């Protein structure tokens, strides 16, 4: 990753970050789907949906926290001009 010193580089970094966000979203969807299909259905009074909700919630929380840390620790470290750092909301959506 290049160090950001111009507006054009900042917009390229923003586009790259959105691509990584889409990748993280797809991976989280696939993992949540995989875990939910592994949880077996209980017969009769089925309450296995609660386990699935917890599994999906945990996967989404881990994905969200992981992407936030990627942005905060890795991406923001490559922005070197102070005005661009103040406008970091661009990268967070």
Protein backbone atom coordinates (compact mmCIF):
# COMPACT_ATOMS: atom_id res chain seq x y z
CA UNK A 1 0.00 0.00 0.00
CA UNK A 2 1.29 3.45 -0.88
CA UNK A 3 1.50 6.38 1.46
CA UNK A 4 -1.31 8.86 0.85
CA UNK A 5 -0.21 12.44 0.25
CA UNK A 6 -2.63 13.67 -2.44
CA UNK A 7 -6.38 13.81 -2.87
CA UNK A 8 -6.23 11.39 -5.82
CA UNK A 9 -4.40 8.82 -3.68
CA UNK A 10 -6.96 9.27 -0.92
CA UNK A 11 -9.81 8.50 -3.32
CA UNK A 12 -7.94 5.45 -4.62
CA UNK A 13 -7.47 4.29 -1.03
CA UNK A 14 -11.17 4.84 -0.38
CA UNK A 15 -12.07 2.68 -3.38
CA UNK A 16 -9.69 -0.04 -2.27
CA UNK A 17 -11.16 0.06 1.23
CA UNK A 18 -14.69 -0.33 -0.14
CA UNK A 19 -13.54 -3.35 -2.16
CA UNK A 20 -12.12 -4.91 0.99
CA UNK A 21 -15.41 -4.15 2.77
CA UNK A 22 -17.28 -6.09 0.08
CA UNK A 23 -14.86 -9.00 0.42
CA UNK A 24 -15.27 -9.06 4.21
CA UNK A 25 -19.05 -8.93 3.79
CA UNK A 26 -19.07 -11.89 1.39
CA UNK A 27 -16.76 -13.95 3.60
CA UNK A 28 -18.89 -13.18 6.67
CA UNK A 29 -22.04 -14.16 4.77
CA UNK A 30 -20.46 -17.44 3.68
CA UNK A 31 -19.17 -18.27 7.17
CA UNK A 32 -22.51 -17.40 8.80
CA UNK A 33 -24.36 -19.53 6.25
CA UNK A 34 -21.93 -22.41 6.78
CA UNK A 35 -22.27 -22.32 10.55
CA UNK A 36 -26.04 -22.05 10.41
CA UNK A 37 -26.29 -25.08 8.12
CA UNK A 38 -24.10 -27.10 10.49
CA UNK A 39 -26.48 -26.51 13.41
CA UNK A 40 -28.97 -29.34 13.22
CA UNK A 41 -32.72 -28.81 13.38
CA UNK A 42 -34.36 -29.98 16.57
CA UNK A 43 -37.59 -31.91 16.17
CA UNK A 44 -40.89 -30.89 17.73
CA UNK A 45 -40.54 -27.62 19.60
CA UNK A 46 -37.64 -26.32 17.53
CA UNK A 47 -35.49 -23.74 19.29
CA UNK A 48 -32.35 -24.22 17.21
CA UNK A 49 -33.00 -20.88 15.53
CA UNK A 50 -31.66 -19.24 18.70
CA UNK A 51 -28.30 -20.96 18.22
CA UNK A 52 -28.26 -19.83 14.59
CA UNK A 53 -28.98 -16.23 15.58
CA UNK A 54 -26.18 -16.26 18.12
CA UNK A 55 -23.77 -17.78 15.59
CA UNK A 56 -24.67 -15.19 12.95
CA UNK A 57 -24.43 -12.36 15.48
CA UNK A 58 -20.99 -13.48 16.60
CA UNK A 59 -19.76 -13.81 12.99
CA UNK A 60 -21.05 -10.34 12.13
CA UNK A 61 -19.52 -8.81 15.28
CA UNK A 62 -16.13 -10.37 14.53
CA UNK A 63 -16.29 -9.23 10.88
CA UNK A 64 -17.28 -5.68 11.86
CA UNK A 65 -14.59 -5.39 14.54
CA UNK A 66 -11.98 -6.90 12.22
CA UNK A 67 -12.77 -4.46 9.43
CA UNK A 68 -12.79 -1.52 11.84
CA UNK A 69 -9.36 -2.54 13.16
CA UNK A 70 -8.07 -2.96 9.59
CA UNK A 71 -9.18 0.60 8.83
CA UNK A 72 -7.94 2.10 12.06
CA UNK A 73 -4.60 0.34 12.39
CA UNK A 74 -3.54 -0.36 8.81
CA UNK A 75 -5.25 2.07 6.46
CA UNK A 76 -4.99 5.15 8.67
CA UNK A 77 -1.28 4.48 9.13
CA UNK A 78 -0.70 5.19 5.44
CA UNK A 79 -2.33 8.63 5.46
CA UNK A 80 0.37 11.19 6.19
CA UNK A 81 -1.22 14.59 5.64
CA UNK A 82 -3.06 16.01 8.63
CA UNK A 83 -6.10 17.33 6.69
CA UNK A 84 -6.71 13.85 5.29
CA UNK A 85 -6.45 12.30 8.73
CA UNK A 86 -9.06 14.73 10.07
CA UNK A 87 -11.38 13.68 7.25
CA UNK A 88 -11.06 10.01 8.13
CA UNK A 89 -14.86 9.73 8.03
CA UNK A 90 -14.42 9.33 4.27
CA UNK A 91 -12.95 5.87 4.87
CA UNK A 92 -15.53 4.87 7.44
CA UNK A 93 -18.50 5.65 5.23
